[in-house]
Amino acid sequence: MKKKKYLLLMMAIVFALLNAQAEVEKSVKKTNEVTFLVGMHCQSCKERIEKNIPFEKGVKDLKVDLEKKEVTVVYNPQKTTEDKLRKAFIDLGYTCEKKEQ
């Protein structure tokens, strides 16, 4: 009798853990990445982009490469789009186009 209760308890724990894992996976938001060619010319341009773009809705991370004039943005596609991100660069006064892979 004790073995059956123990077995049922272990099965319940395993089920609860599997269910919790499924909920965690659902809550993890998928991200997209896009690289833009941005008309920046100097260190101040780079700093201005690093200061402002992360505050755009949905932006999770960005990498600015001044030498290549590239900005790679990791974003939540449920909160923003490539067009909105591109507009954010333009609103800062920079030319911006998506880099073709």
PDB file of N, CA and C in Angstrom:
ATOM      1  N   MET A   1       0.821  -1.204   0.000  1.00  0.00           N
ATOM      2  CA  MET A   1       0.000   0.000   0.000  1.00  0.00           C
ATOM      3  C   MET A   1       0.864   1.268   0.000  1.00  0.00           C
ATOM      4  N   LYS A   2       1.933   1.252   0.827  1.00  0.00           N
ATOM      5  CA  LYS A   2       2.819   2.406   0.877  1.00  0.00           C
ATOM      6  C   LYS A   2       3.521   2.616  -0.461  1.00  0.00           C
ATOM      7  N   LYS A   3       3.860   1.522  -1.142  1.00  0.00           N
ATOM      8  CA  LYS A   3       4.543   1.633  -2.432  1.00  0.00           C
ATOM      9  C   LYS A   3       3.655   2.299  -3.462  1.00  0.00           C
ATOM     10  N   LYS A   4       2.340   1.981  -3.441  1.00  0.00           N
ATOM     11  CA  LYS A   4       1.410   2.605  -4.399  1.00  0.00           C
ATOM     12  C   LYS A   4       1.293   4.098  -4.141  1.00  0.00           C
ATOM     13  N   LYS A   5       1.200   4.487  -2.869  1.00  0.00           N
ATOM     14  CA  LYS A   5       1.105   5.911  -2.533  1.00  0.00           C
ATOM     15  C   LYS A   5       2.384   6.642  -2.941  1.00  0.00           C
ATOM     16  N   TYR A   6       3.527   6.005  -2.673  1.00  0.00           N
ATOM     17  CA  TYR A   6       4.803   6.584  -3.036  1.00  0.00           C
ATOM     18  C   TYR A   6       4.903   6.751  -4.556  1.00  0.00           C
ATOM     19  N   LEU A   7       4.483   5.731  -5.281  1.00  0.00           N
ATOM     20  CA  LEU A   7       4.511   5.780  -6.746  1.00  0.00           C
ATOM     21  C   LEU A   7       3.586   6.870  -7.274  1.00  0.00           C
ATOM     22  N   LEU A   8       2.397   6.969  -6.720  1.00  0.00           N
ATOM     23  CA  LEU A   8       1.457   8.017  -7.135  1.00  0.00           C
ATOM     24  C   LEU A   8       2.011   9.413  -6.829  1.00  0.00           C
ATOM     25  N   LEU A   9       2.637   9.542  -5.663  1.00  0.00           N
ATOM     26  CA  LEU A   9       3.233  10.828  -5.299  1.00  0.00           C
ATOM     27  C   LEU A   9       4.350  11.198  -6.279  1.00  0.00           C
ATOM     28  N   MET A  10       5.200  10.261  -6.622  1.00  0.00           N
ATOM     29  CA  MET A  10       6.287  10.514  -7.568  1.00  0.00           C
ATOM     30  C   MET A  10       5.737  10.871  -8.946  1.00  0.00           C
ATOM     31  N   MET A  11       4.705  10.185  -9.374  1.00  0.00           N
ATOM     32  CA  MET A  11       4.088  10.494 -10.673  1.00  0.00           C
ATOM     33  C   MET A  11       3.503  11.898 -10.665  1.00  0.00           C
ATOM     34  N   ALA A  12       2.874  12.283  -9.559  1.00  0.00           N
ATOM     35  CA  ALA A  12       2.294  13.625  -9.453  1.00  0.00           C
ATOM     36  C   ALA A  12       3.383  14.692  -9.517  1.00  0.00           C
ATOM     37  N   ILE A  13       4.516  14.436  -8.858  1.00  0.00           N
ATOM     38  CA  ILE A  13       5.622  15.393  -8.868  1.00  0.00           C
ATOM     39  C   ILE A  13       6.187  15.530 -10.284  1.00  0.00           C
ATOM     40  N   VAL A  14       6.389  14.412 -10.956  1.00  0.00           N
ATOM     41  CA  VAL A  14       6.905  14.447 -12.325  1.00  0.00           C
ATOM     42  C   VAL A  14       5.946  15.208 -13.234  1.00  0.00           C
ATOM     43  N   PHE A  15       4.665  14.926 -13.114  1.00  0.00           N
ATOM     44  CA  PHE A  15       3.661  15.623 -13.922  1.00  0.00           C
ATOM     45  C   PHE A  15       3.696  17.127 -13.650  1.00  0.00           C
ATOM     46  N   ALA A  16       3.793  17.511 -12.385  1.00  0.00           N
ATOM     47  CA  ALA A  16       3.824  18.931 -12.026  1.00  0.00           C
ATOM     48  C   ALA A  16       5.066  19.609 -12.612  1.00  0.00           C
ATOM     49  N   LEU A  17       6.208  18.925 -12.547  1.00  0.00           N
ATOM     50  CA  LEU A  17       7.431  19.502 -13.107  1.00  0.00           C
ATOM     51  C   LEU A  17       7.353  19.652 -14.623  1.00  0.00           C
ATOM     52  N   LEU A  18       6.800  18.653 -15.300  1.00  0.00           N
ATOM     53  CA  LEU A  18       6.653  18.744 -16.756  1.00  0.00           C
ATOM     54  C   LEU A  18       5.698  19.874 -17.136  1.00  0.00           C
ATOM     55  N   ASN A  19       4.636  20.024 -16.385  1.00  0.00           N
ATOM     56  CA  ASN A  19       3.662  21.088 -16.640  1.00  0.00           C
ATOM     57  C   ASN A  19       4.310  22.460 -16.410  1.00  0.00           C
ATOM     58  N   ALA A  20       5.094  22.583 -15.353  1.00  0.00           N
ATOM     59  CA  ALA A  20       5.769  23.853 -15.066  1.00  0.00           C
ATOM     60  C   ALA A  20       6.752  24.199 -16.185  1.00  0.00           C
ATOM     61  N   GLN A  21       7.474  23.209 -16.679  1.00  0.00           N
ATOM     62  CA  GLN A  21       8.421  23.440 -17.773  1.00  0.00           C
ATOM     63  C   GLN A  21       7.699  23.924 -19.026  1.00  0.00           C
ATOM     64  N   ALA A  22       6.550  23.337 -19.315  1.00  0.00           N
ATOM     65  CA  ALA A  22       5.768  23.752 -20.484  1.00  0.00           C
ATOM     66  C   ALA A  22       5.310  25.202 -20.337  1.00  0.00           C
ATOM     67  N   GLU A  23       4.925  25.602 -19.146  1.00  0.00           N
ATOM     68  CA  GLU A  23       4.495  26.977 -18.922  1.00  0.00           C
ATOM     69  C   GLU A  23       5.660  27.952 -19.096  1.00  0.00           C
ATOM     70  N   VAL A  24       6.833  27.577 -18.637  1.00  0.00           N
ATOM     71  CA  VAL A  24       8.013  28.430 -18.791  1.00  0.00           C
ATOM     72  C   VAL A  24       8.330  28.609 -20.275  1.00  0.00           C
ATOM     73  N   GLU A  25       8.282  27.529 -21.037  1.00  0.00           N
ATOM     74  CA  GLU A  25       8.570  27.613 -22.464  1.00  0.00           C
ATOM     75  C   GLU A  25       7.567  28.487 -23.188  1.00  0.00           C
ATOM     76  N   LYS A  26       6.316  28.468 -22.767  1.00  0.00           N
ATOM     77  CA  LYS A  26       5.298  29.330 -23.382  1.00  0.00           C
ATOM     78  C   LYS A  26       5.577  30.799 -23.105  1.00  0.00           C
ATOM     79  N   SER A  27       6.062  31.082 -21.894  1.00  0.00           N
ATOM     80  CA  SER A  27       6.248  32.473 -21.497  1.00  0.00           C
ATOM     81  C   SER A  27       7.514  33.097 -22.082  1.00  0.00           C
ATOM     82  N   VAL A  28       8.438  32.279 -22.571  1.00  0.00           N
ATOM     83  CA  VAL A  28       9.651  32.811 -23.177  1.00  0.00           C
ATOM     84  C   VAL A  28       9.294  33.427 -24.526  1.00  0.00           C
ATOM     85  N   LYS A  29       9.626  34.690 -24.681  1.00  0.00           N
ATOM     86  CA  LYS A  29       9.258  35.397 -25.909  1.00  0.00           C
ATOM     87  C   LYS A  29      10.321  35.201 -26.964  1.00  0.00           C
ATOM     88  N   LYS A  30       9.873  34.960 -28.152  1.00  0.00           N
ATOM     89  CA  LYS A  30      10.771  34.790 -29.280  1.00  0.00           C
ATOM     90  C   LYS A  30      11.280  36.156 -29.725  1.00  0.00           C
ATOM     91  N   THR A  31      12.525  36.188 -30.174  1.00  0.00           N
ATOM     92  CA  THR A  31      13.094  37.443 -30.657  1.00  0.00           C
ATOM     93  C   THR A  31      13.555  37.282 -32.098  1.00  0.00           C
ATOM     94  N   ASN A  32      13.629  38.402 -32.780  1.00  0.00           N
ATOM     95  CA  ASN A  32      14.177  38.463 -34.129  1.00  0.00           C
ATOM     96  C   ASN A  32      15.410  39.358 -34.092  1.00  0.00           C
ATOM     97  N   GLU A  33      16.215  39.254 -35.142  1.00  0.00           N
ATOM     98  CA  GLU A  33      17.417  40.080 -35.247  1.00  0.00           C
ATOM     99  C   GLU A  33      17.470  40.677 -36.640  1.00  0.00           C
ATOM    100  N   VAL A  34      17.828  41.947 -36.708  1.00  0.00           N
ATOM    101  CA  VAL A  34      17.963  42.624 -37.988  1.00  0.00           C
ATOM    102  C   VAL A  34      19.205  43.519 -37.930  1.00  0.00           C
ATOM    103  N   THR A  35      19.888  43.623 -39.057  1.00  0.00           N
ATOM    104  CA  THR A  35      21.051  44.506 -39.145  1.00  0.00           C
ATOM    105  C   THR A  35      20.739  45.625 -40.131  1.00  0.00           C
ATOM    106  N   PHE A  36      20.992  46.848 -39.676  1.00  0.00           N
ATOM    107  CA  PHE A  36      20.765  48.027 -40.501  1.00  0.00           C
ATOM    108  C   PHE A  36      22.110  48.668 -40.850  1.00  0.00           C
ATOM    109  N   LEU A  37      22.176  49.235 -42.041  1.00  0.00           N
ATOM    110  CA  LEU A  37      23.290  50.097 -42.434  1.00  0.00           C
ATOM    111  C   LEU A  37      22.846  51.517 -42.099  1.00  0.00           C
ATOM    112  N   VAL A  38      23.567  52.142 -41.190  1.00  0.00           N
ATOM    113  CA  VAL A  38      23.159  53.442 -40.659  1.00  0.00           C
ATOM    114  C   VAL A  38      24.222  54.482 -40.994  1.00  0.00           C
ATOM    115  N   GLY A  39      23.786  55.649 -41.432  1.00  0.00           N
ATOM    116  CA  GLY A  39      24.698  56.724 -41.826  1.00  0.00           C
ATOM    117  C   GLY A  39      25.309  57.442 -40.642  1.00  0.00           C
ATOM    118  N   MET A  40      26.046  56.731 -39.812  1.00  0.00           N
ATOM    119  CA  MET A  40      26.739  57.359 -38.678  1.00  0.00           C
ATOM    120  C   MET A  40      28.196  57.603 -39.078  1.00  0.00           C
ATOM    121  N   HIS A  41      28.775  58.663 -38.496  1.00  0.00           N
ATOM    122  CA  HIS A  41      30.104  59.069 -38.948  1.00  0.00           C
ATOM    123  C   HIS A  41      31.154  59.131 -37.852  1.00  0.00           C
ATOM    124  N   CYS A  42      30.731  59.204 -36.598  1.00  0.00           N
ATOM    125  CA  CYS A  42      31.703  59.442 -35.537  1.00  0.00           C
ATOM    126  C   CYS A  42      31.289  58.749 -34.242  1.00  0.00           C
ATOM    127  N   GLN A  43      32.124  58.855 -33.252  1.00  0.00           N
ATOM    128  CA  GLN A  43      31.857  58.237 -31.959  1.00  0.00           C
ATOM    129  C   GLN A  43      30.591  58.819 -31.325  1.00  0.00           C
ATOM    130  N   SER A  44      30.335  60.103 -31.527  1.00  0.00           N
ATOM    131  CA  SER A  44      29.125  60.723 -30.979  1.00  0.00           C
ATOM    132  C   SER A  44      27.863  60.112 -31.589  1.00  0.00           C
ATOM    133  N   CYS A  45      27.924  59.813 -32.887  1.00  0.00           N
ATOM    134  CA  CYS A  45      26.799  59.153 -33.555  1.00  0.00           C
ATOM    135  C   CYS A  45      26.546  57.796 -32.910  1.00  0.00           C
ATOM    136  N   LYS A  46      27.607  57.047 -32.714  1.00  0.00           N
ATOM    137  CA  LYS A  46      27.504  55.718 -32.106  1.00  0.00           C
ATOM    138  C   LYS A  46      26.881  55.823 -30.714  1.00  0.00           C
ATOM    139  N   GLU A  47      27.372  56.758 -29.920  1.00  0.00           N
ATOM    140  CA  GLU A  47      26.863  56.932 -28.559  1.00  0.00           C
ATOM    141  C   GLU A  47      25.400  57.366 -28.554  1.00  0.00           C
ATOM    142  N   ARG A  48      25.037  58.211 -29.502  1.00  0.00           N
ATOM    143  CA  ARG A  48      23.645  58.673 -29.588  1.00  0.00           C
ATOM    144  C   ARG A  48      22.710  57.505 -29.900  1.00  0.00           C
ATOM    145  N   ILE A  49      23.131  56.634 -30.797  1.00  0.00           N
ATOM    146  CA  ILE A  49      22.336  55.454 -31.141  1.00  0.00           C
ATOM    147  C   ILE A  49      22.242  54.518 -29.944  1.00  0.00           C
ATOM    148  N   GLU A  50      23.377  54.273 -29.285  1.00  0.00           N
ATOM    149  CA  GLU A  50      23.387  53.383 -28.120  1.00  0.00           C
ATOM    150  C   GLU A  50      22.543  53.924 -26.973  1.00  0.00           C
ATOM    151  N   LYS A  51      22.415  55.238 -26.912  1.00  0.00           N
ATOM    152  CA  LYS A  51      21.632  55.871 -25.848  1.00  0.00           C
ATOM    153  C   LYS A  51      20.130  55.837 -26.139  1.00  0.00           C
ATOM    154  N   ASN A  52      19.739  55.974 -27.407  1.00  0.00           N
ATOM    155  CA  ASN A  52      18.325  56.153 -27.737  1.00  0.00           C
ATOM    156  C   ASN A  52      17.600  54.901 -28.219  1.00  0.00           C
ATOM    157  N   ILE A  53      18.202  54.114 -29.082  1.00  0.00           N
ATOM    158  CA  ILE A  53      17.509  52.979 -29.690  1.00  0.00           C
ATOM    159  C   ILE A  53      17.082  51.923 -28.665  1.00  0.00           C
ATOM    160  N   PRO A  54      17.866  51.641 -27.614  1.00  0.00           N
ATOM    161  CA  PRO A  54      17.404  50.637 -26.649  1.00  0.00           C
ATOM    162  C   PRO A  54      16.074  50.983 -25.979  1.00  0.00           C
ATOM    163  N   PHE A  55      15.692  52.244 -26.004  1.00  0.00           N
ATOM    164  CA  PHE A  55      14.433  52.644 -25.392  1.00  0.00           C
ATOM    165  C   PHE A  55      13.233  52.485 -26.320  1.00  0.00           C
ATOM    166  N   GLU A  56      13.477  52.104 -27.551  1.00  0.00           N
ATOM    167  CA  GLU A  56      12.374  51.826 -28.472  1.00  0.00           C
ATOM    168  C   GLU A  56      11.632  50.577 -27.976  1.00  0.00           C
ATOM    169  N   LYS A  57      10.340  50.612 -28.100  1.00  0.00           N
ATOM    170  CA  LYS A  57       9.515  49.499 -27.641  1.00  0.00           C
ATOM    171  C   LYS A  57       9.930  48.196 -28.323  1.00  0.00           C
ATOM    172  N   GLY A  58      10.155  47.150 -27.535  1.00  0.00           N
ATOM    173  CA  GLY A  58      10.460  45.835 -28.064  1.00  0.00           C
ATOM    174  C   GLY A  58      11.936  45.538 -28.261  1.00  0.00           C
ATOM    175  N   VAL A  59      12.812  46.538 -28.143  1.00  0.00           N
ATOM    176  CA  VAL A  59      14.246  46.307 -28.346  1.00  0.00           C
ATOM    177  C   VAL A  59      14.809  45.578 -27.131  1.00  0.00           C
ATOM    178  N   LYS A  60      15.482  44.468 -27.397  1.00  0.00           N
ATOM    179  CA  LYS A  60      16.078  43.664 -26.334  1.00  0.00           C
ATOM    180  C   LYS A  60      17.582  43.880 -26.235  1.00  0.00           C
ATOM    181  N   ASP A  61      18.238  44.109 -27.371  1.00  0.00           N
ATOM    182  CA  ASP A  61      19.689  44.275 -27.389  1.00  0.00           C
ATOM    183  C   ASP A  61      20.090  44.923 -28.699  1.00  0.00           C
ATOM    184  N   LEU A  62      21.242  45.570 -28.711  1.00  0.00           N
ATOM    185  CA  LEU A  62      21.776  46.073 -29.968  1.00  0.00           C
ATOM    186  C   LEU A  62      23.286  46.117 -29.914  1.00  0.00           C
ATOM    187  N   LYS A  63      23.877  46.027 -31.095  1.00  0.00           N
ATOM    188  CA  LYS A  63      25.332  46.084 -31.248  1.00  0.00           C
ATOM    189  C   LYS A  63      25.610  47.104 -32.340  1.00  0.00           C
ATOM    190  N   VAL A  64      26.436  48.083 -32.004  1.00  0.00           N
ATOM    191  CA  VAL A  64      26.756  49.150 -32.950  1.00  0.00           C
ATOM    192  C   VAL A  64      28.208  48.999 -33.387  1.00  0.00           C
ATOM    193  N   ASP A  65      28.412  48.908 -34.700  1.00  0.00           N
ATOM    194  CA  ASP A  65      29.756  48.799 -35.272  1.00  0.00           C
ATOM    195  C   ASP A  65      29.992  50.047 -36.119  1.00  0.00           C
ATOM    196  N   LEU A  66      30.729  50.990 -35.544  1.00  0.00           N
ATOM    197  CA  LEU A  66      30.961  52.273 -36.211  1.00  0.00           C
ATOM    198  C   LEU A  66      31.757  52.107 -37.501  1.00  0.00           C
ATOM    199  N   GLU A  67      32.778  51.254 -37.498  1.00  0.00           N
ATOM    200  CA  GLU A  67      33.612  51.070 -38.687  1.00  0.00           C
ATOM    201  C   GLU A  67      32.816  50.557 -39.880  1.00  0.00           C
ATOM    202  N   LYS A  68      31.936  49.596 -39.634  1.00  0.00           N
ATOM    203  CA  LYS A  68      31.117  49.035 -40.710  1.00  0.00           C
ATOM    204  C   LYS A  68      29.826  49.819 -40.930  1.00  0.00           C
ATOM    205  N   LYS A  69      29.544  50.752 -40.026  1.00  0.00           N
ATOM    206  CA  LYS A  69      28.302  51.536 -40.047  1.00  0.00           C
ATOM    207  C   LYS A  69      27.078  50.628 -39.978  1.00  0.00           C
ATOM    208  N   GLU A  70      27.185  49.602 -39.121  1.00  0.00           N
ATOM    209  CA  GLU A  70      26.107  48.621 -38.954  1.00  0.00           C
ATOM    210  C   GLU A  70      25.583  48.648 -37.526  1.00  0.00           C
ATOM    211  N   VAL A  71      24.275  48.488 -37.419  1.00  0.00           N
ATOM    212  CA  VAL A  71      23.646  48.336 -36.118  1.00  0.00           C
ATOM    213  C   VAL A  71      22.777  47.085 -36.180  1.00  0.00           C
ATOM    214  N   THR A  72      23.077  46.136 -35.306  1.00  0.00           N
ATOM    215  CA  THR A  72      22.288  44.911 -35.222  1.00  0.00           C
ATOM    216  C   THR A  72      21.373  45.033 -34.015  1.00  0.00           C
ATOM    217  N   VAL A  73      20.084  44.837 -34.261  1.00  0.00           N
ATOM    218  CA  VAL A  73      19.080  44.987 -33.210  1.00  0.00           C
ATOM    219  C   VAL A  73      18.380  43.653 -32.985  1.00  0.00           C
ATOM    220  N   VAL A  74      18.310  43.241 -31.726  1.00  0.00           N
ATOM    221  CA  VAL A  74      17.522  42.077 -31.330  1.00  0.00           C
ATOM    222  C   VAL A  74      16.239  42.640 -30.732  1.00  0.00           C
ATOM    223  N   TYR A  75      15.094  42.167 -31.242  1.00  0.00           N
ATOM    224  CA  TYR A  75      13.827  42.757 -30.821  1.00  0.00           C
ATOM    225  C   TYR A  75      12.728  41.710 -30.723  1.00  0.00           C
ATOM    226  N   ASN A  76      11.685  42.086 -29.999  1.00  0.00           N
ATOM    227  CA  ASN A  76      10.498  41.244 -29.843  1.00  0.00           C
ATOM    228  C   ASN A  76       9.531  41.609 -30.976  1.00  0.00           C
ATOM    229  N   PRO A  77       9.281  40.681 -31.913  1.00  0.00           N
ATOM    230  CA  PRO A  77       8.410  40.999 -33.055  1.00  0.00           C
ATOM    231  C   PRO A  77       6.953  41.204 -32.669  1.00  0.00           C
ATOM    232  N   GLN A  78       6.589  40.859 -31.451  1.00  0.00           N
ATOM    233  CA  GLN A  78       5.226  41.113 -30.993  1.00  0.00           C
ATOM    234  C   GLN A  78       5.041  42.558 -30.558  1.00  0.00           C
ATOM    235  N   LYS A  79       6.164  43.273 -30.364  1.00  0.00           N
ATOM    236  CA  LYS A  79       6.082  44.652 -29.886  1.00  0.00           C
ATOM    237  C   LYS A  79       6.541  45.693 -30.896  1.00  0.00           C
ATOM    238  N   THR A  80       7.309  45.282 -31.899  1.00  0.00           N
ATOM    239  CA  THR A  80       7.786  46.245 -32.891  1.00  0.00           C
ATOM    240  C   THR A  80       8.070  45.534 -34.211  1.00  0.00           C
ATOM    241  N   THR A  81       8.390  46.330 -35.219  1.00  0.00           N
ATOM    242  CA  THR A  81       8.686  45.782 -36.543  1.00  0.00           C
ATOM    243  C   THR A  81       9.994  46.394 -37.051  1.00  0.00           C
ATOM    244  N   GLU A  82      10.528  45.806 -38.107  1.00  0.00           N
ATOM    245  CA  GLU A  82      11.736  46.366 -38.730  1.00  0.00           C
ATOM    246  C   GLU A  82      11.474  47.783 -39.222  1.00  0.00           C
ATOM    247  N   ASP A  83      10.292  48.026 -39.771  1.00  0.00           N
ATOM    248  CA  ASP A  83       9.968  49.373 -40.271  1.00  0.00           C
ATOM    249  C   ASP A  83       9.943  50.404 -39.146  1.00  0.00           C
ATOM    250  N   LYS A  84       9.410  50.034 -37.995  1.00  0.00           N
ATOM    251  CA  LYS A  84       9.378  50.961 -36.858  1.00  0.00           C
ATOM    252  C   LYS A  84      10.787  51.238 -36.345  1.00  0.00           C
ATOM    253  N   LEU A  85      11.617  50.203 -36.340  1.00  0.00           N
ATOM    254  CA  LEU A  85      12.999  50.399 -35.900  1.00  0.00           C
ATOM    255  C   LEU A  85      13.744  51.300 -36.889  1.00  0.00           C
ATOM    256  N   ARG A  86      13.536  51.054 -38.162  1.00  0.00           N
ATOM    257  CA  ARG A  86      14.169  51.885 -39.197  1.00  0.00           C
ATOM    258  C   ARG A  86      13.750  53.345 -39.032  1.00  0.00           C
ATOM    259  N   LYS A  87      12.480  53.570 -38.765  1.00  0.00           N
ATOM    260  CA  LYS A  87      11.968  54.931 -38.556  1.00  0.00           C
ATOM    261  C   LYS A  87      12.623  55.585 -37.335  1.00  0.00           C
ATOM    262  N   ALA A  88      12.923  54.791 -36.302  1.00  0.00           N
ATOM    263  CA  ALA A  88      13.578  55.338 -35.114  1.00  0.00           C
ATOM    264  C   ALA A  88      14.958  55.899 -35.458  1.00  0.00           C
ATOM    265  N   PHE A  89      15.694  55.213 -36.329  1.00  0.00           N
ATOM    266  CA  PHE A  89      16.996  55.735 -36.762  1.00  0.00           C
ATOM    267  C   PHE A  89      16.823  57.015 -37.573  1.00  0.00           C
ATOM    268  N   ILE A  90      15.852  57.001 -38.452  1.00  0.00           N
ATOM    269  CA  ILE A  90      15.581  58.183 -39.287  1.00  0.00           C
ATOM    270  C   ILE A  90      15.172  59.370 -38.414  1.00  0.00           C
ATOM    271  N   ASP A  91      14.350  59.105 -37.392  1.00  0.00           N
ATOM    272  CA  ASP A  91      13.926  60.167 -36.472  1.00  0.00           C
ATOM    273  C   ASP A  91      15.112  60.765 -35.702  1.00  0.00           C
ATOM    274  N   LEU A  92      16.170  59.984 -35.519  1.00  0.00           N
ATOM    275  CA  LEU A  92      17.390  60.490 -34.880  1.00  0.00           C
ATOM    276  C   LEU A  92      18.253  61.282 -35.858  1.00  0.00           C
ATOM    277  N   GLY A  93      17.888  61.255 -37.139  1.00  0.00           N
ATOM    278  CA  GLY A  93      18.610  62.038 -38.143  1.00  0.00           C
ATOM    279  C   GLY A  93      19.591  61.245 -38.991  1.00  0.00           C
ATOM    280  N   TYR A  94      19.481  59.921 -38.987  1.00  0.00           N
ATOM    281  CA  TYR A  94      20.409  59.085 -39.747  1.00  0.00           C
ATOM    282  C   TYR A  94      19.714  58.427 -40.937  1.00  0.00           C
ATOM    283  N   THR A  95      20.494  58.202 -41.987  1.00  0.00           N
ATOM    284  CA  THR A  95      19.977  57.363 -43.064  1.00  0.00           C
ATOM    285  C   THR A  95      20.022  55.927 -42.561  1.00  0.00           C
ATOM    286  N   CYS A  96      19.098  55.118 -43.049  1.00  0.00           N
ATOM    287  CA  CYS A  96      19.021  53.750 -42.526  1.00  0.00           C
ATOM    288  C   CYS A  96      18.369  52.849 -43.558  1.00  0.00           C
ATOM    289  N   GLU A  97      19.027  51.717 -43.811  1.00  0.00           N
ATOM    290  CA  GLU A  97      18.439  50.706 -44.675  1.00  0.00           C
ATOM    291  C   GLU A  97      18.809  49.339 -44.134  1.00  0.00           C
ATOM    292  N   LYS A  98      17.954  48.376 -44.393  1.00  0.00           N
ATOM    293  CA  LYS A  98      18.208  47.027 -43.934  1.00  0.00           C
ATOM    294  C   LYS A  98      19.355  46.421 -44.729  1.00  0.00           C
ATOM    295  N   LYS A  99      20.270  45.790 -44.007  1.00  0.00           N
ATOM    296  CA  LYS A  99      21.387  45.112 -44.674  1.00  0.00           C
ATOM    297  C   LYS A  99      20.885  43.772 -45.191  1.00  0.00           C
ATOM    298  N   GLU A 100      21.128  43.539 -46.456  1.00  0.00           N
ATOM    299  CA  GLU A 100      20.735  42.268 -47.039  1.00  0.00           C
ATOM    300  C   GLU A 100      21.765  41.218 -46.679  1.00  0.00           C
ATOM    301  N   GLN A 101      21.303  40.083 -46.244  1.00  0.00           N
ATOM    302  CA  GLN A 101      22.216  39.006 -45.800  1.00  0.00           C
ATOM    303  C   GLN A 101      22.771  38.311 -46.963  1.00  0.00           C
TER     304      GLN A 101
END
